[in-house]
PDB file of N, CA and C in Angstrom:
ATOM      1  N   UNK A   1      16.107  88.934  64.489  1.00  0.00           N
ATOM      2  CA  UNK A   1      15.347  90.146  64.385  1.00  0.00           C
ATOM      3  C   UNK A   1      14.171  89.997  63.416  1.00  0.00           C
ATOM      4  N   UNK A   2      14.408  89.422  62.253  1.00  0.00           N
ATOM      5  CA  UNK A   2      13.345  89.196  61.270  1.00  0.00           C
ATOM      6  C   UNK A   2      13.029  87.709  61.199  1.00  0.00           C
ATOM      7  N   UNK A   3      12.796  87.124  62.319  1.00  0.00           N
ATOM      8  CA  UNK A   3      12.568  85.691  62.355  1.00  0.00           C
ATOM      9  C   UNK A   3      11.275  85.286  61.656  1.00  0.00           C
ATOM     10  N   UNK A   4      11.387  84.278  60.851  1.00  0.00           N
ATOM     11  CA  UNK A   4      10.218  83.739  60.147  1.00  0.00           C
ATOM     12  C   UNK A   4      10.357  82.231  60.154  1.00  0.00           C
ATOM     13  N   UNK A   5       9.417  81.576  60.786  1.00  0.00           N
ATOM     14  CA  UNK A   5       9.465  80.122  60.874  1.00  0.00           C
ATOM     15  C   UNK A   5       8.346  79.523  60.037  1.00  0.00           C
ATOM     16  N   UNK A   6       8.633  78.398  59.449  1.00  0.00           N
ATOM     17  CA  UNK A   6       7.601  77.642  58.731  1.00  0.00           C
ATOM     18  C   UNK A   6       7.229  76.440  59.571  1.00  0.00           C
ATOM     19  N   UNK A   7       6.046  75.948  59.306  1.00  0.00           N
ATOM     20  CA  UNK A   7       5.603  74.779  60.065  1.00  0.00           C
ATOM     21  C   UNK A   7       6.388  73.556  59.631  1.00  0.00           C
ATOM     22  N   UNK A   8       6.292  72.579  60.455  1.00  0.00           N
ATOM     23  CA  UNK A   8       6.895  71.292  60.168  1.00  0.00           C
ATOM     24  C   UNK A   8       6.241  70.716  58.908  1.00  0.00           C
ATOM     25  N   UNK A   9       7.019  70.212  57.960  1.00  0.00           N
ATOM     26  CA  UNK A   9       6.449  69.657  56.727  1.00  0.00           C
ATOM     27  C   UNK A   9       5.418  68.545  56.982  1.00  0.00           C
ATOM     28  N   UNK A  10       5.628  67.759  58.018  1.00  0.00           N
ATOM     29  CA  UNK A  10       4.670  66.700  58.340  1.00  0.00           C
ATOM     30  C   UNK A  10       3.325  67.294  58.733  1.00  0.00           C
ATOM     31  N   UNK A  11       3.345  68.364  59.485  1.00  0.00           N
ATOM     32  CA  UNK A  11       2.096  69.046  59.870  1.00  0.00           C
ATOM     33  C   UNK A  11       1.397  69.607  58.631  1.00  0.00           C
ATOM     34  N   UNK A  12       2.169  70.188  57.716  1.00  0.00           N
ATOM     35  CA  UNK A  12       1.585  70.679  56.458  1.00  0.00           C
ATOM     36  C   UNK A  12       0.949  69.538  55.675  1.00  0.00           C
ATOM     37  N   UNK A  13       1.649  68.415  55.622  1.00  0.00           N
ATOM     38  CA  UNK A  13       1.140  67.252  54.870  1.00  0.00           C
ATOM     39  C   UNK A  13      -0.169  66.755  55.495  1.00  0.00           C
ATOM     40  N   UNK A  14      -0.218  66.727  56.823  1.00  0.00           N
ATOM     41  CA  UNK A  14      -1.439  66.312  57.506  1.00  0.00           C
ATOM     42  C   UNK A  14      -2.593  67.266  57.226  1.00  0.00           C
ATOM     43  N   UNK A  15      -2.303  68.559  57.244  1.00  0.00           N
ATOM     44  CA  UNK A  15      -3.342  69.560  56.938  1.00  0.00           C
ATOM     45  C   UNK A  15      -3.840  69.402  55.505  1.00  0.00           C
ATOM     46  N   UNK A  16      -2.902  69.239  54.587  1.00  0.00           N
ATOM     47  CA  UNK A  16      -3.269  69.075  53.177  1.00  0.00           C
ATOM     48  C   UNK A  16      -4.090  67.813  52.968  1.00  0.00           C
ATOM     49  N   UNK A  17      -3.671  66.717  53.596  1.00  0.00           N
ATOM     50  CA  UNK A  17      -4.399  65.452  53.468  1.00  0.00           C
ATOM     51  C   UNK A  17      -5.813  65.580  54.001  1.00  0.00           C
ATOM     52  N   UNK A  18      -5.968  66.200  55.157  1.00  0.00           N
ATOM     53  CA  UNK A  18      -7.307  66.390  55.737  1.00  0.00           C
ATOM     54  C   UNK A  18      -8.179  67.248  54.825  1.00  0.00           C
ATOM     55  N   UNK A  19      -7.600  68.288  54.254  1.00  0.00           N
ATOM     56  CA  UNK A  19      -8.343  69.173  53.358  1.00  0.00           C
ATOM     57  C   UNK A  19      -8.808  68.422  52.115  1.00  0.00           C
ATOM     58  N   UNK A  20      -7.913  67.653  51.510  1.00  0.00           N
ATOM     59  CA  UNK A  20      -8.284  66.916  50.308  1.00  0.00           C
ATOM     60  C   UNK A  20      -9.295  65.817  50.601  1.00  0.00           C
ATOM     61  N   UNK A  21      -9.202  65.219  51.768  1.00  0.00           N
ATOM     62  CA  UNK A  21     -10.202  64.217  52.141  1.00  0.00           C
ATOM     63  C   UNK A  21     -11.590  64.852  52.246  1.00  0.00           C
ATOM     64  N   UNK A  22     -11.663  66.070  52.784  1.00  0.00           N
ATOM     65  CA  UNK A  22     -12.960  66.772  52.871  1.00  0.00           C
ATOM     66  C   UNK A  22     -13.492  67.086  51.471  1.00  0.00           C
ATOM     67  N   UNK A  23     -12.606  67.509  50.591  1.00  0.00           N
ATOM     68  CA  UNK A  23     -13.030  67.805  49.210  1.00  0.00           C
ATOM     69  C   UNK A  23     -13.556  66.532  48.551  1.00  0.00           C
ATOM     70  N   UNK A  24     -12.820  65.447  48.680  1.00  0.00           N
ATOM     71  CA  UNK A  24     -13.221  64.180  48.065  1.00  0.00           C
ATOM     72  C   UNK A  24     -14.538  63.688  48.657  1.00  0.00           C
ATOM     73  N   UNK A  25     -14.689  63.811  49.970  1.00  0.00           N
ATOM     74  CA  UNK A  25     -15.939  63.396  50.618  1.00  0.00           C
ATOM     75  C   UNK A  25     -17.114  64.210  50.092  1.00  0.00           C
ATOM     76  N   UNK A  26     -16.945  65.518  49.998  1.00  0.00           N
ATOM     77  CA  UNK A  26     -18.017  66.393  49.504  1.00  0.00           C
ATOM     78  C   UNK A  26     -18.378  66.051  48.062  1.00  0.00           C
ATOM     79  N   UNK A  27     -17.380  65.869  47.225  1.00  0.00           N
ATOM     80  CA  UNK A  27     -17.641  65.526  45.824  1.00  0.00           C
ATOM     81  C   UNK A  27     -18.310  64.161  45.705  1.00  0.00           C
ATOM     82  N   UNK A  28     -17.938  63.228  46.561  1.00  0.00           N
ATOM     83  CA  UNK A  28     -18.561  61.909  46.547  1.00  0.00           C
ATOM     84  C   UNK A  28     -20.040  62.010  46.933  1.00  0.00           C
ATOM     85  N   UNK A  29     -20.343  62.835  47.924  1.00  0.00           N
ATOM     86  CA  UNK A  29     -21.741  63.051  48.326  1.00  0.00           C
ATOM     87  C   UNK A  29     -22.529  63.647  47.158  1.00  0.00           C
ATOM     88  N   UNK A  30     -21.960  64.627  46.481  1.00  0.00           N
ATOM     89  CA  UNK A  30     -22.634  65.252  45.337  1.00  0.00           C
ATOM     90  C   UNK A  30     -22.849  64.230  44.228  1.00  0.00           C
ATOM     91  N   UNK A  31     -21.827  63.425  43.943  1.00  0.00           N
ATOM     92  CA  UNK A  31     -21.969  62.390  42.906  1.00  0.00           C
ATOM     93  C   UNK A  31     -23.094  61.421  43.265  1.00  0.00           C
ATOM     94  N   UNK A  32     -23.158  61.010  44.526  1.00  0.00           N
ATOM     95  CA  UNK A  32     -24.209  60.091  44.957  1.00  0.00           C
ATOM     96  C   UNK A  32     -25.595  60.720  44.828  1.00  0.00           C
ATOM     97  N   UNK A  33     -25.715  62.002  45.156  1.00  0.00           N
ATOM     98  CA  UNK A  33     -26.996  62.705  44.998  1.00  0.00           C
ATOM     99  C   UNK A  33     -27.422  62.725  43.530  1.00  0.00           C
ATOM    100  N   UNK A  34     -26.478  63.001  42.646  1.00  0.00           N
ATOM    101  CA  UNK A  34     -26.781  63.015  41.213  1.00  0.00           C
ATOM    102  C   UNK A  34     -27.233  61.639  40.732  1.00  0.00           C
ATOM    103  N   UNK A  35     -26.534  60.606  41.177  1.00  0.00           N
ATOM    104  CA  UNK A  35     -26.892  59.244  40.767  1.00  0.00           C
ATOM    105  C   UNK A  35     -28.268  58.841  41.296  1.00  0.00           C
ATOM    106  N   UNK A  36     -28.583  59.233  42.536  1.00  0.00           N
ATOM    107  CA  UNK A  36     -29.906  58.929  43.088  1.00  0.00           C
ATOM    108  C   UNK A  36     -31.011  59.654  42.321  1.00  0.00           C
ATOM    109  N   UNK A  37     -30.769  60.915  41.975  1.00  0.00           N
ATOM    110  CA  UNK A  37     -31.776  61.647  41.206  1.00  0.00           C
ATOM    111  C   UNK A  37     -31.982  60.990  39.846  1.00  0.00           C
ATOM    112  N   UNK A  38     -30.900  60.601  39.214  1.00  0.00           N
ATOM    113  CA  UNK A  38     -30.997  59.941  37.905  1.00  0.00           C
ATOM    114  C   UNK A  38     -31.748  58.617  38.025  1.00  0.00           C
ATOM    115  N   UNK A  39     -31.473  57.855  39.074  1.00  0.00           N
ATOM    116  CA  UNK A  39     -32.170  56.590  39.300  1.00  0.00           C
ATOM    117  C   UNK A  39     -33.673  56.821  39.467  1.00  0.00           C
ATOM    118  N   UNK A  40     -34.046  57.830  40.262  1.00  0.00           N
ATOM    119  CA  UNK A  40     -35.458  58.153  40.453  1.00  0.00           C
ATOM    120  C   UNK A  40     -36.123  58.585  39.154  1.00  0.00           C
ATOM    121  N   UNK A  41     -35.415  59.390  38.369  1.00  0.00           N
ATOM    122  CA  UNK A  41     -35.960  59.810  37.075  1.00  0.00           C
ATOM    123  C   UNK A  41     -36.148  58.625  36.142  1.00  0.00           C
ATOM    124  N   UNK A  42     -35.183  57.720  36.137  1.00  0.00           N
ATOM    125  CA  UNK A  42     -35.308  56.527  35.276  1.00  0.00           C
ATOM    126  C   UNK A  42     -36.528  55.700  35.649  1.00  0.00           C
ATOM    127  N   UNK A  43     -36.792  55.591  36.941  1.00  0.00           N
ATOM    128  CA  UNK A  43     -37.962  54.841  37.393  1.00  0.00           C
ATOM    129  C   UNK A  43     -39.248  55.521  36.927  1.00  0.00           C
ATOM    130  N   UNK A  44     -39.319  56.838  37.123  1.00  0.00           N
ATOM    131  CA  UNK A  44     -40.526  57.566  36.697  1.00  0.00           C
ATOM    132  C   UNK A  44     -40.675  57.561  35.175  1.00  0.00           C
ATOM    133  N   UNK A  45     -39.549  57.575  34.453  1.00  0.00           N
ATOM    134  CA  UNK A  45     -39.613  57.514  32.996  1.00  0.00           C
ATOM    135  C   UNK A  45     -40.189  56.183  32.536  1.00  0.00           C
ATOM    136  N   UNK A  46     -39.773  55.108  33.174  1.00  0.00           N
ATOM    137  CA  UNK A  46     -40.298  53.787  32.821  1.00  0.00           C
ATOM    138  C   UNK A  46     -41.807  53.741  33.053  1.00  0.00           C
ATOM    139  N   UNK A  47     -42.251  54.333  34.153  1.00  0.00           N
ATOM    140  CA  UNK A  47     -43.683  54.372  34.447  1.00  0.00           C
ATOM    141  C   UNK A  47     -44.430  55.220  33.414  1.00  0.00           C
ATOM    142  N   UNK A  48     -43.854  56.367  33.044  1.00  0.00           N
ATOM    143  CA  UNK A  48     -44.492  57.232  32.049  1.00  0.00           C
ATOM    144  C   UNK A  48     -44.526  56.552  30.688  1.00  0.00           C
ATOM    145  N   UNK A  49     -43.467  55.821  30.356  1.00  0.00           N
ATOM    146  CA  UNK A  49     -43.431  55.090  29.076  1.00  0.00           C
ATOM    147  C   UNK A  49     -44.522  54.034  29.026  1.00  0.00           C
ATOM    148  N   UNK A  50     -44.687  53.316  30.126  1.00  0.00           N
ATOM    149  CA  UNK A  50     -45.737  52.296  30.185  1.00  0.00           C
ATOM    150  C   UNK A  50     -47.107  52.943  30.081  1.00  0.00           C
ATOM    151  N   UNK A  51     -47.287  54.071  30.761  1.00  0.00           N
ATOM    152  CA  UNK A  51     -48.553  54.794  30.710  1.00  0.00           C
ATOM    153  C   UNK A  51     -48.844  55.273  29.290  1.00  0.00           C
ATOM    154  N   UNK A  52     -47.807  55.772  28.609  1.00  0.00           N
ATOM    155  CA  UNK A  52     -47.975  56.236  27.233  1.00  0.00           C
ATOM    156  C   UNK A  52     -48.370  55.080  26.318  1.00  0.00           C
ATOM    157  N   UNK A  53     -47.729  53.940  26.505  1.00  0.00           N
ATOM    158  CA  UNK A  53     -48.054  52.770  25.684  1.00  0.00           C
ATOM    159  C   UNK A  53     -49.495  52.325  25.911  1.00  0.00           C
ATOM    160  N   UNK A  54     -49.923  52.313  27.167  1.00  0.00           N
ATOM    161  CA  UNK A  54     -51.304  51.926  27.466  1.00  0.00           C
ATOM    162  C   UNK A  54     -52.296  52.950  26.916  1.00  0.00           C
ATOM    163  N   UNK A  55     -51.924  54.217  26.977  1.00  0.00           N
ATOM    164  CA  UNK A  55     -52.791  55.265  26.433  1.00  0.00           C
ATOM    165  C   UNK A  55     -52.933  55.114  24.927  1.00  0.00           C
ATOM    166  N   UNK A  56     -51.829  54.862  24.250  1.00  0.00           N
ATOM    167  CA  UNK A  56     -51.892  54.645  22.800  1.00  0.00           C
ATOM    168  C   UNK A  56     -52.757  53.437  22.458  1.00  0.00           C
ATOM    169  N   UNK A  57     -52.596  52.381  23.221  1.00  0.00           N
ATOM    170  CA  UNK A  57     -53.392  51.183  22.986  1.00  0.00           C
ATOM    171  C   UNK A  57     -54.880  51.477  23.204  1.00  0.00           C
ATOM    172  N   UNK A  58     -55.191  52.224  24.244  1.00  0.00           N
ATOM    173  CA  UNK A  58     -56.585  52.568  24.533  1.00  0.00           C
ATOM    174  C   UNK A  58     -57.161  53.438  23.428  1.00  0.00           C
ATOM    175  N   UNK A  59     -56.337  54.292  22.840  1.00  0.00           N
ATOM    176  CA  UNK A  59     -56.816  55.175  21.778  1.00  0.00           C
ATOM    177  C   UNK A  59     -57.240  54.391  20.545  1.00  0.00           C
ATOM    178  N   UNK A  60     -56.582  53.271  20.303  1.00  0.00           N
ATOM    179  CA  UNK A  60     -56.923  52.481  19.113  1.00  0.00           C
ATOM    180  C   UNK A  60     -58.184  51.647  19.330  1.00  0.00           C
ATOM    181  N   UNK A  61     -58.534  51.428  20.600  1.00  0.00           N
ATOM    182  CA  UNK A  61     -59.671  50.567  20.913  1.00  0.00           C
ATOM    183  C   UNK A  61     -60.973  51.319  21.175  1.00  0.00           C
ATOM    184  N   UNK A  62     -60.959  52.636  21.125  1.00  0.00           N
ATOM    185  CA  UNK A  62     -62.191  53.376  21.428  1.00  0.00           C
ATOM    186  C   UNK A  62     -62.618  54.214  20.240  1.00  0.00           C
ATOM    187  N   UNK A  63     -63.858  54.603  20.279  1.00  0.00           N
ATOM    188  CA  UNK A  63     -64.429  55.377  19.180  1.00  0.00           C
ATOM    189  C   UNK A  63     -63.976  56.837  19.209  1.00  0.00           C
ATOM    190  N   UNK A  64     -63.654  57.368  20.383  1.00  0.00           N
ATOM    191  CA  UNK A  64     -63.255  58.770  20.510  1.00  0.00           C
ATOM    192  C   UNK A  64     -61.833  58.887  21.063  1.00  0.00           C
ATOM    193  N   UNK A  65     -60.830  58.656  20.228  1.00  0.00           N
ATOM    194  CA  UNK A  65     -59.448  58.713  20.714  1.00  0.00           C
ATOM    195  C   UNK A  65     -59.016  60.120  21.137  1.00  0.00           C
ATOM    196  N   UNK A  66     -59.779  61.135  20.695  1.00  0.00           N
ATOM    197  CA  UNK A  66     -59.425  62.516  21.044  1.00  0.00           C
ATOM    198  C   UNK A  66     -59.406  62.732  22.555  1.00  0.00           C
ATOM    199  N   UNK A  67     -60.189  61.948  23.276  1.00  0.00           N
ATOM    200  CA  UNK A  67     -60.256  62.114  24.727  1.00  0.00           C
ATOM    201  C   UNK A  67     -58.921  61.774  25.407  1.00  0.00           C
ATOM    202  N   UNK A  68     -58.070  61.041  24.710  1.00  0.00           N
ATOM    203  CA  UNK A  68     -56.768  60.667  25.264  1.00  0.00           C
ATOM    204  C   UNK A  68     -55.630  61.555  24.750  1.00  0.00           C
ATOM    205  N   UNK A  69     -55.929  62.415  23.796  1.00  0.00           N
ATOM    206  CA  UNK A  69     -54.855  63.207  23.182  1.00  0.00           C
ATOM    207  C   UNK A  69     -54.152  64.111  24.190  1.00  0.00           C
ATOM    208  N   UNK A  70     -54.914  64.736  25.076  1.00  0.00           N
ATOM    209  CA  UNK A  70     -54.307  65.607  26.083  1.00  0.00           C
ATOM    210  C   UNK A  70     -53.362  64.852  26.997  1.00  0.00           C
ATOM    211  N   UNK A  71     -53.807  63.689  27.386  1.00  0.00           N
ATOM    212  CA  UNK A  71     -52.967  62.857  28.260  1.00  0.00           C
ATOM    213  C   UNK A  71     -51.693  62.448  27.545  1.00  0.00           C
ATOM    214  N   UNK A  72     -51.809  62.076  26.294  1.00  0.00           N
ATOM    215  CA  UNK A  72     -50.651  61.659  25.514  1.00  0.00           C
ATOM    216  C   UNK A  72     -49.691  62.827  25.295  1.00  0.00           C
ATOM    217  N   UNK A  73     -50.229  64.013  25.038  1.00  0.00           N
ATOM    218  CA  UNK A  73     -49.380  65.201  24.880  1.00  0.00           C
ATOM    219  C   UNK A  73     -48.632  65.498  26.180  1.00  0.00           C
ATOM    220  N   UNK A  74     -49.325  65.362  27.296  1.00  0.00           N
ATOM    221  CA  UNK A  74     -48.678  65.589  28.580  1.00  0.00           C
ATOM    222  C   UNK A  74     -47.553  64.584  28.819  1.00  0.00           C
ATOM    223  N   UNK A  75     -47.821  63.324  28.534  1.00  0.00           N
ATOM    224  CA  UNK A  75     -46.789  62.297  28.707  1.00  0.00           C
ATOM    225  C   UNK A  75     -45.596  62.560  27.794  1.00  0.00           C
ATOM    226  N   UNK A  76     -45.865  63.028  26.593  1.00  0.00           N
ATOM    227  CA  UNK A  76     -44.785  63.349  25.658  1.00  0.00           C
ATOM    228  C   UNK A  76     -43.924  64.481  26.200  1.00  0.00           C
ATOM    229  N   UNK A  77     -44.547  65.518  26.734  1.00  0.00           N
ATOM    230  CA  UNK A  77     -43.769  66.633  27.275  1.00  0.00           C
ATOM    231  C   UNK A  77     -42.984  66.205  28.518  1.00  0.00           C
ATOM    232  N   UNK A  78     -43.563  65.318  29.320  1.00  0.00           N
ATOM    233  CA  UNK A  78     -42.854  64.799  30.493  1.00  0.00           C
ATOM    234  C   UNK A  78     -41.619  64.019  30.049  1.00  0.00           C
ATOM    235  N   UNK A  79     -41.765  63.226  29.011  1.00  0.00           N
ATOM    236  CA  UNK A  79     -40.644  62.421  28.525  1.00  0.00           C
ATOM    237  C   UNK A  79     -39.541  63.307  27.944  1.00  0.00           C
ATOM    238  N   UNK A  80     -39.921  64.372  27.264  1.00  0.00           N
ATOM    239  CA  UNK A  80     -38.919  65.299  26.730  1.00  0.00           C
ATOM    240  C   UNK A  80     -38.180  65.999  27.871  1.00  0.00           C
ATOM    241  N   UNK A  81     -38.909  66.399  28.900  1.00  0.00           N
ATOM    242  CA  UNK A  81     -38.284  67.036  30.061  1.00  0.00           C
ATOM    243  C   UNK A  81     -37.324  66.067  30.748  1.00  0.00           C
ATOM    244  N   UNK A  82     -37.737  64.809  30.818  1.00  0.00           N
ATOM    245  CA  UNK A  82     -36.880  63.773  31.398  1.00  0.00           C
ATOM    246  C   UNK A  82     -35.560  63.683  30.634  1.00  0.00           C
ATOM    247  N   UNK A  83     -35.658  63.597  29.316  1.00  0.00           N
ATOM    248  CA  UNK A  83     -34.453  63.461  28.497  1.00  0.00           C
ATOM    249  C   UNK A  83     -33.514  64.643  28.705  1.00  0.00           C
ATOM    250  N   UNK A  84     -34.073  65.835  28.792  1.00  0.00           N
ATOM    251  CA  UNK A  84     -33.267  67.034  29.004  1.00  0.00           C
ATOM    252  C   UNK A  84     -32.602  66.997  30.381  1.00  0.00           C
ATOM    253  N   UNK A  85     -33.366  66.630  31.398  1.00  0.00           N
ATOM    254  CA  UNK A  85     -32.828  66.598  32.754  1.00  0.00           C
ATOM    255  C   UNK A  85     -31.758  65.528  32.899  1.00  0.00           C
ATOM    256  N   UNK A  86     -31.996  64.349  32.344  1.00  0.00           N
ATOM    257  CA  UNK A  86     -31.009  63.270  32.439  1.00  0.00           C
ATOM    258  C   UNK A  86     -29.717  63.658  31.719  1.00  0.00           C
ATOM    259  N   UNK A  87     -29.835  64.326  30.589  1.00  0.00           N
ATOM    260  CA  UNK A  87     -28.634  64.772  29.877  1.00  0.00           C
ATOM    261  C   UNK A  87     -27.833  65.749  30.741  1.00  0.00           C
ATOM    262  N   UNK A  88     -28.536  66.652  31.427  1.00  0.00           N
ATOM    263  CA  UNK A  88     -27.843  67.599  32.292  1.00  0.00           C
ATOM    264  C   UNK A  88     -27.225  66.889  33.501  1.00  0.00           C
ATOM    265  N   UNK A  89     -27.931  65.922  34.061  1.00  0.00           N
ATOM    266  CA  UNK A  89     -27.369  65.150  35.171  1.00  0.00           C
ATOM    267  C   UNK A  89     -26.117  64.396  34.728  1.00  0.00           C
ATOM    268  N   UNK A  90     -26.167  63.840  33.524  1.00  0.00           N
ATOM    269  CA  UNK A  90     -25.001  63.130  32.985  1.00  0.00           C
ATOM    270  C   UNK A  90     -23.813  64.074  32.852  1.00  0.00           C
ATOM    271  N   UNK A  91     -24.051  65.301  32.375  1.00  0.00           N
ATOM    272  CA  UNK A  91     -22.942  66.244  32.240  1.00  0.00           C
ATOM    273  C   UNK A  91     -22.402  66.639  33.611  1.00  0.00           C
ATOM    274  N   UNK A  92     -23.285  66.765  34.604  1.00  0.00           N
ATOM    275  CA  UNK A  92     -22.825  67.059  35.960  1.00  0.00           C
ATOM    276  C   UNK A  92     -22.011  65.900  36.522  1.00  0.00           C
ATOM    277  N   UNK A  93     -22.480  64.675  36.287  1.00  0.00           N
ATOM    278  CA  UNK A  93     -21.738  63.502  36.756  1.00  0.00           C
ATOM    279  C   UNK A  93     -20.348  63.436  36.123  1.00  0.00           C
ATOM    280  N   UNK A  94     -20.276  63.705  34.842  1.00  0.00           N
ATOM    281  CA  UNK A  94     -18.988  63.707  34.150  1.00  0.00           C
ATOM    282  C   UNK A  94     -18.065  64.765  34.751  1.00  0.00           C
ATOM    283  N   UNK A  95     -18.621  65.943  35.008  1.00  0.00           N
ATOM    284  CA  UNK A  95     -17.854  67.037  35.605  1.00  0.00           C
ATOM    285  C   UNK A  95     -17.339  66.652  36.992  1.00  0.00           C
ATOM    286  N   UNK A  96     -18.229  66.140  37.840  1.00  0.00           N
ATOM    287  CA  UNK A  96     -17.848  65.775  39.205  1.00  0.00           C
ATOM    288  C   UNK A  96     -16.831  64.635  39.187  1.00  0.00           C
ATOM    289  N   UNK A  97     -17.040  63.651  38.327  1.00  0.00           N
ATOM    290  CA  UNK A  97     -16.082  62.545  38.224  1.00  0.00           C
ATOM    291  C   UNK A  97     -14.707  63.072  37.806  1.00  0.00           C
ATOM    292  N   UNK A  98     -14.689  64.027  36.872  1.00  0.00           N
ATOM    293  CA  UNK A  98     -13.424  64.620  36.443  1.00  0.00           C
ATOM    294  C   UNK A  98     -12.718  65.330  37.582  1.00  0.00           C
ATOM    295  N   UNK A  99     -13.477  66.103  38.346  1.00  0.00           N
ATOM    296  CA  UNK A  99     -12.887  66.804  39.495  1.00  0.00           C
ATOM    297  C   UNK A  99     -12.399  65.801  40.536  1.00  0.00           C
ATOM    298  N   UNK A 100     -13.202  64.761  40.782  1.00  0.00           N
ATOM    299  CA  UNK A 100     -12.777  63.728  41.735  1.00  0.00           C
ATOM    300  C   UNK A 100     -11.463  63.082  41.298  1.00  0.00           C
ATOM    301  N   UNK A 101     -11.371  62.778  40.023  1.00  0.00           N
ATOM    302  CA  UNK A 101     -10.136  62.177  39.505  1.00  0.00           C
ATOM    303  C   UNK A 101      -8.943  63.091  39.668  1.00  0.00           C
ATOM    304  N   UNK A 102      -9.127  64.365  39.324  1.00  0.00           N
ATOM    305  CA  UNK A 102      -8.022  65.323  39.450  1.00  0.00           C
ATOM    306  C   UNK A 102      -7.653  65.540  40.906  1.00  0.00           C
ATOM    307  N   UNK A 103      -8.672  65.641  41.758  1.00  0.00           N
ATOM    308  CA  UNK A 103      -8.419  65.849  43.180  1.00  0.00           C
ATOM    309  C   UNK A 103      -7.677  64.655  43.768  1.00  0.00           C
ATOM    310  N   UNK A 104      -8.117  63.463  43.411  1.00  0.00           N
ATOM    311  CA  UNK A 104      -7.460  62.257  43.935  1.00  0.00           C
ATOM    312  C   UNK A 104      -6.017  62.165  43.462  1.00  0.00           C
ATOM    313  N   UNK A 105      -5.785  62.456  42.188  1.00  0.00           N
ATOM    314  CA  UNK A 105      -4.406  62.357  41.677  1.00  0.00           C
ATOM    315  C   UNK A 105      -3.528  63.472  42.264  1.00  0.00           C
ATOM    316  N   UNK A 106      -4.113  64.648  42.460  1.00  0.00           N
ATOM    317  CA  UNK A 106      -3.377  65.745  43.087  1.00  0.00           C
ATOM    318  C   UNK A 106      -3.029  65.372  44.523  1.00  0.00           C
ATOM    319  N   UNK A 107      -3.993  64.789  45.214  1.00  0.00           N
ATOM    320  CA  UNK A 107      -3.771  64.353  46.607  1.00  0.00           C
ATOM    321  C   UNK A 107      -2.693  63.273  46.666  1.00  0.00           C
ATOM    322  N   UNK A 108      -2.703  62.364  45.690  1.00  0.00           N
ATOM    323  CA  UNK A 108      -1.696  61.289  45.662  1.00  0.00           C
ATOM    324  C   UNK A 108      -0.287  61.829  45.485  1.00  0.00           C
ATOM    325  N   UNK A 109      -0.188  63.008  44.856  1.00  0.00           N
ATOM    326  CA  UNK A 109       1.124  63.601  44.614  1.00  0.00           C
ATOM    327  C   UNK A 109       1.691  64.316  45.830  1.00  0.00           C
ATOM    328  N   UNK A 110       0.898  64.447  46.885  1.00  0.00           N
ATOM    329  CA  UNK A 110       1.391  65.149  48.085  1.00  0.00           C
ATOM    330  C   UNK A 110       2.523  64.399  48.748  1.00  0.00           C
TER     331      UNK A 110
END
């Protein structure tokens, strides 16, 4: 009269495994996106650093170094923004790696 059936445990395990695989796949994609953004920023930072060094060198070799001050200020602000962004990317990577680890260990316990 009050029949209540549960699914087969194997079917539940398969559903759980598929769900955790999707979570792990999604987190892996996010981690890869973060790493690619960080790689691109590192490349642009290296270019900005080289540009700043050349600008400083040019300032010492000319009579009117003031003409380069704006460029140097801009490069400095770009480098500060880079440092802030990379720090935030690092915190996101740490967060995602932590979730991936917990998700994987939780999945292993199924």
